Amino acid sequence: MKPKYGWIVALILMLCCLGFTIKAQKETSSRSNWEYRSVFSTSADVAYVLNSLGDQGWELVAIDVTTTDKNNSGIKGTTYFLKRSK
């Protein structure tokens, strides 16, 4: 008789854990809305600008090293892509 009860207790505990996990996922699955920004620079020293943007809540998510400026004037530089929660 003991093995039967052991399986039942284990099954009940697993179902309880599964229920709590699903409930927690539903509560934390609200989508975040993001706003995006790009910064183009021809200088290698953009730490001051990026630190300033970081203080405003912006997070660096990507860097494109081989880009030209928005006006297509042929100036090569680096574009930094940032995001922050709205």
N, C-alpha and C. Protein backbone atom coordinates (compact mmCIF):
# COMPACT_ATOMS: atom_id res chain seq x y z
N MET A 1 0.80 -1.20 0.00
CA MET A 1 0.00 0.00 0.00
C MET A 1 0.85 1.27 0.00
N LYS A 2 1.99 1.27 0.64
CA LYS A 2 2.82 2.45 0.72
C LYS A 2 3.28 2.97 -0.65
N PRO A 3 3.67 2.08 -1.59
CA PRO A 3 4.08 2.60 -2.90
C PRO A 3 2.96 3.34 -3.62
N LYS A 4 1.70 2.91 -3.47
CA LYS A 4 0.59 3.61 -4.12
C LYS A 4 0.48 5.04 -3.60
N TYR A 5 0.55 5.18 -2.30
CA TYR A 5 0.41 6.52 -1.71
C TYR A 5 1.59 7.41 -2.06
N GLY A 6 2.74 6.82 -2.17
CA GLY A 6 3.93 7.59 -2.55
C GLY A 6 3.78 8.20 -3.94
N TRP A 7 3.27 7.42 -4.89
CA TRP A 7 3.05 7.92 -6.25
C TRP A 7 1.97 8.99 -6.28
N ILE A 8 0.94 8.81 -5.50
CA ILE A 8 -0.16 9.79 -5.47
C ILE A 8 0.34 11.11 -4.88
N VAL A 9 1.09 11.03 -3.80
CA VAL A 9 1.64 12.24 -3.18
C VAL A 9 2.59 12.94 -4.14
N ALA A 10 3.44 12.17 -4.82
CA ALA A 10 4.37 12.77 -5.78
C ALA A 10 3.62 13.43 -6.93
N LEU A 11 2.56 12.80 -7.41
CA LEU A 11 1.77 13.36 -8.50
C LEU A 11 1.09 14.66 -8.07
N ILE A 12 0.55 14.68 -6.87
CA ILE A 12 -0.10 15.89 -6.36
C ILE A 12 0.92 17.02 -6.22
N LEU A 13 2.09 16.73 -5.71
CA LEU A 13 3.13 17.76 -5.56
C LEU A 13 3.57 18.30 -6.92
N MET A 14 3.72 17.41 -7.90
CA MET A 14 4.11 17.86 -9.24
C MET A 14 3.04 18.75 -9.85
N LEU A 15 1.77 18.40 -9.69
CA LEU A 15 0.69 19.22 -10.24
C LEU A 15 0.62 20.58 -9.55
N CYS A 16 0.86 20.60 -8.24
CA CYS A 16 0.88 21.88 -7.52
C CYS A 16 2.01 22.77 -8.03
N CYS A 17 3.18 22.20 -8.20
CA CYS A 17 4.32 22.97 -8.70
C CYS A 17 4.05 23.48 -10.10
N LEU A 18 3.46 22.65 -10.95
CA LEU A 18 3.14 23.06 -12.30
C LEU A 18 2.13 24.21 -12.29
N GLY A 19 1.13 24.11 -11.41
CA GLY A 19 0.13 25.18 -11.30
C GLY A 19 0.74 26.49 -10.87
N PHE A 20 1.63 26.45 -9.88
CA PHE A 20 2.28 27.68 -9.42
C PHE A 20 3.18 28.26 -10.51
N THR A 21 3.84 27.42 -11.27
CA THR A 21 4.71 27.89 -12.35
C THR A 21 3.90 28.58 -13.43
N ILE A 22 2.80 27.99 -13.82
CA ILE A 22 1.95 28.60 -14.86
C ILE A 22 1.38 29.92 -14.37
N LYS A 23 0.96 29.98 -13.12
CA LYS A 23 0.42 31.22 -12.56
C LYS A 23 1.48 32.31 -12.55
N ALA A 24 2.69 31.99 -12.17
CA ALA A 24 3.78 32.97 -12.13
C ALA A 24 4.12 33.47 -13.52
N GLN A 25 4.09 32.60 -14.51
CA GLN A 25 4.39 33.01 -15.88
C GLN A 25 3.33 33.96 -16.41
N LYS A 26 2.07 33.71 -16.10
CA LYS A 26 1.00 34.59 -16.55
C LYS A 26 1.11 35.97 -15.92
N GLU A 27 1.52 36.03 -14.67
CA GLU A 27 1.63 37.30 -13.98
C GLU A 27 2.80 38.13 -14.49
N THR A 28 3.87 37.50 -14.93
CA THR A 28 5.06 38.24 -15.35
C THR A 28 5.20 38.34 -16.86
N SER A 29 4.23 37.89 -17.63
CA SER A 29 4.39 37.88 -19.08
C SER A 29 3.85 39.13 -19.75
N SER A 30 3.64 40.20 -19.01
CA SER A 30 3.19 41.43 -19.65
C SER A 30 4.30 41.96 -20.54
N ARG A 31 3.93 42.34 -21.72
CA ARG A 31 4.92 42.78 -22.70
C ARG A 31 5.41 44.19 -22.38
N SER A 32 6.69 44.40 -22.56
CA SER A 32 7.25 45.73 -22.39
C SER A 32 7.20 46.45 -23.73
N ASN A 33 6.92 47.73 -23.66
CA ASN A 33 6.98 48.55 -24.87
C ASN A 33 8.32 49.27 -24.86
N TRP A 34 8.99 49.23 -26.00
CA TRP A 34 10.33 49.80 -26.11
C TRP A 34 10.32 50.97 -27.06
N GLU A 35 11.19 51.92 -26.81
CA GLU A 35 11.49 52.94 -27.80
C GLU A 35 12.95 52.78 -28.18
N TYR A 36 13.27 53.10 -29.42
CA TYR A 36 14.59 52.85 -29.95
C TYR A 36 15.25 54.14 -30.41
N ARG A 37 16.57 54.11 -30.41
CA ARG A 37 17.34 55.29 -30.83
C ARG A 37 18.64 54.80 -31.44
N SER A 38 19.11 55.55 -32.43
CA SER A 38 20.43 55.24 -33.00
C SER A 38 21.30 56.47 -32.91
N VAL A 39 22.58 56.24 -32.68
CA VAL A 39 23.58 57.31 -32.61
C VAL A 39 24.68 56.99 -33.60
N PHE A 40 24.94 57.93 -34.52
CA PHE A 40 26.01 57.74 -35.50
C PHE A 40 27.21 58.55 -35.05
N SER A 41 28.41 57.95 -35.12
CA SER A 41 29.61 58.64 -34.69
C SER A 41 30.77 58.26 -35.59
N THR A 42 31.59 59.26 -35.91
CA THR A 42 32.82 59.01 -36.65
C THR A 42 34.01 58.95 -35.70
N SER A 43 33.77 59.26 -34.46
CA SER A 43 34.83 59.26 -33.45
C SER A 43 34.85 57.92 -32.72
N ALA A 44 36.02 57.50 -32.32
CA ALA A 44 36.14 56.26 -31.56
C ALA A 44 35.81 56.49 -30.09
N ASP A 45 35.80 57.76 -29.65
CA ASP A 45 35.55 58.07 -28.25
C ASP A 45 34.11 58.58 -28.06
N VAL A 46 33.18 57.66 -27.92
CA VAL A 46 31.78 58.03 -27.70
C VAL A 46 31.32 57.60 -26.31
N ALA A 47 32.26 57.26 -25.45
CA ALA A 47 31.91 56.78 -24.11
C ALA A 47 31.10 57.82 -23.34
N TYR A 48 31.45 59.09 -23.48
CA TYR A 48 30.73 60.15 -22.76
C TYR A 48 29.27 60.19 -23.20
N VAL A 49 29.05 60.12 -24.50
CA VAL A 49 27.68 60.17 -25.03
C VAL A 49 26.90 58.93 -24.59
N LEU A 50 27.50 57.75 -24.70
CA LEU A 50 26.81 56.52 -24.32
C LEU A 50 26.54 56.47 -22.82
N ASN A 51 27.47 56.96 -22.02
CA ASN A 51 27.24 57.01 -20.56
C ASN A 51 26.10 57.96 -20.23
N SER A 52 26.04 59.09 -20.93
CA SER A 52 24.96 60.05 -20.71
C SER A 52 23.61 59.43 -21.08
N LEU A 53 23.56 58.72 -22.20
CA LEU A 53 22.32 58.06 -22.60
C LEU A 53 21.96 56.94 -21.62
N GLY A 54 22.96 56.24 -21.11
CA GLY A 54 22.72 55.20 -20.11
C GLY A 54 22.09 55.78 -18.85
N ASP A 55 22.52 56.98 -18.46
CA ASP A 55 21.94 57.65 -17.30
C ASP A 55 20.47 58.00 -17.53
N GLN A 56 20.08 58.14 -18.80
CA GLN A 56 18.69 58.46 -19.15
C GLN A 56 17.85 57.20 -19.33
N GLY A 57 18.46 56.03 -19.10
CA GLY A 57 17.72 54.78 -19.19
C GLY A 57 17.90 54.02 -20.49
N TRP A 58 18.75 54.52 -21.38
CA TRP A 58 18.98 53.84 -22.65
C TRP A 58 19.96 52.70 -22.46
N GLU A 59 19.72 51.60 -23.17
CA GLU A 59 20.57 50.41 -23.11
C GLU A 59 21.11 50.11 -24.50
N LEU A 60 22.42 49.96 -24.61
CA LEU A 60 23.05 49.64 -25.89
C LEU A 60 22.74 48.19 -26.24
N VAL A 61 22.17 47.98 -27.45
CA VAL A 61 21.80 46.62 -27.85
C VAL A 61 22.54 46.12 -29.08
N ALA A 62 23.09 47.04 -29.89
CA ALA A 62 23.80 46.59 -31.10
C ALA A 62 24.72 47.70 -31.59
N ILE A 63 25.74 47.28 -32.33
CA ILE A 63 26.70 48.22 -32.94
C ILE A 63 26.91 47.79 -34.38
N ASP A 64 26.86 48.77 -35.31
CA ASP A 64 27.16 48.51 -36.71
C ASP A 64 28.37 49.36 -37.08
N VAL A 65 29.49 48.71 -37.31
CA VAL A 65 30.75 49.42 -37.51
C VAL A 65 30.90 49.94 -38.93
N THR A 66 30.30 49.31 -39.89
CA THR A 66 30.53 49.67 -41.29
C THR A 66 29.33 50.39 -41.89
N THR A 67 28.98 51.54 -41.33
CA THR A 67 27.84 52.29 -41.84
C THR A 67 28.26 53.66 -42.31
N THR A 68 27.40 54.28 -43.09
CA THR A 68 27.59 55.67 -43.49
C THR A 68 26.50 56.50 -42.83
N ASP A 69 26.66 57.81 -42.85
CA ASP A 69 25.71 58.68 -42.17
C ASP A 69 24.35 58.67 -42.87
N LYS A 70 23.35 59.29 -42.24
CA LYS A 70 21.97 59.28 -42.75
C LYS A 70 21.85 59.96 -44.12
N ASN A 71 22.69 60.94 -44.37
CA ASN A 71 22.59 61.71 -45.62
C ASN A 71 23.32 61.05 -46.78
N ASN A 72 23.90 59.88 -46.56
CA ASN A 72 24.66 59.17 -47.59
C ASN A 72 25.76 60.04 -48.20
N SER A 73 26.42 60.80 -47.37
CA SER A 73 27.49 61.67 -47.87
C SER A 73 28.82 60.92 -47.98
N GLY A 74 28.82 59.65 -47.67
CA GLY A 74 30.03 58.85 -47.79
C GLY A 74 30.89 58.84 -46.55
N ILE A 75 30.45 59.52 -45.50
CA ILE A 75 31.22 59.54 -44.26
C ILE A 75 31.01 58.22 -43.55
N LYS A 76 32.11 57.52 -43.28
CA LYS A 76 32.00 56.22 -42.61
C LYS A 76 32.18 56.40 -41.11
N GLY A 77 31.45 55.59 -40.37
CA GLY A 77 31.51 55.65 -38.92
C GLY A 77 30.85 54.44 -38.31
N THR A 78 30.43 54.62 -37.08
CA THR A 78 29.80 53.55 -36.33
C THR A 78 28.42 54.00 -35.87
N THR A 79 27.45 53.12 -36.02
CA THR A 79 26.11 53.41 -35.52
C THR A 79 25.85 52.54 -34.29
N TYR A 80 25.40 53.20 -33.24
CA TYR A 80 25.08 52.52 -31.99
C TYR A 80 23.55 52.50 -31.84
N PHE A 81 22.98 51.34 -31.60
CA PHE A 81 21.55 51.19 -31.46
C PHE A 81 21.22 50.97 -30.00
N LEU A 82 20.24 51.75 -29.51
CA LEU A 82 19.88 51.69 -28.10
C LEU A 82 18.37 51.50 -27.96
N LYS A 83 17.95 51.02 -26.79
CA LYS A 83 16.53 50.89 -26.49
C LYS A 83 16.32 51.23 -25.03
N ARG A 84 15.07 51.62 -24.71
CA ARG A 84 14.66 51.81 -23.32
C ARG A 84 13.17 51.58 -23.21
N SER A 85 12.75 51.25 -22.04
CA SER A 85 11.34 50.98 -21.80
C SER A 85 10.57 52.28 -21.83
N LYS A 86 9.38 52.25 -22.42
CA LYS A 86 8.54 53.46 -22.47
C LYS A 86 7.90 53.72 -21.14
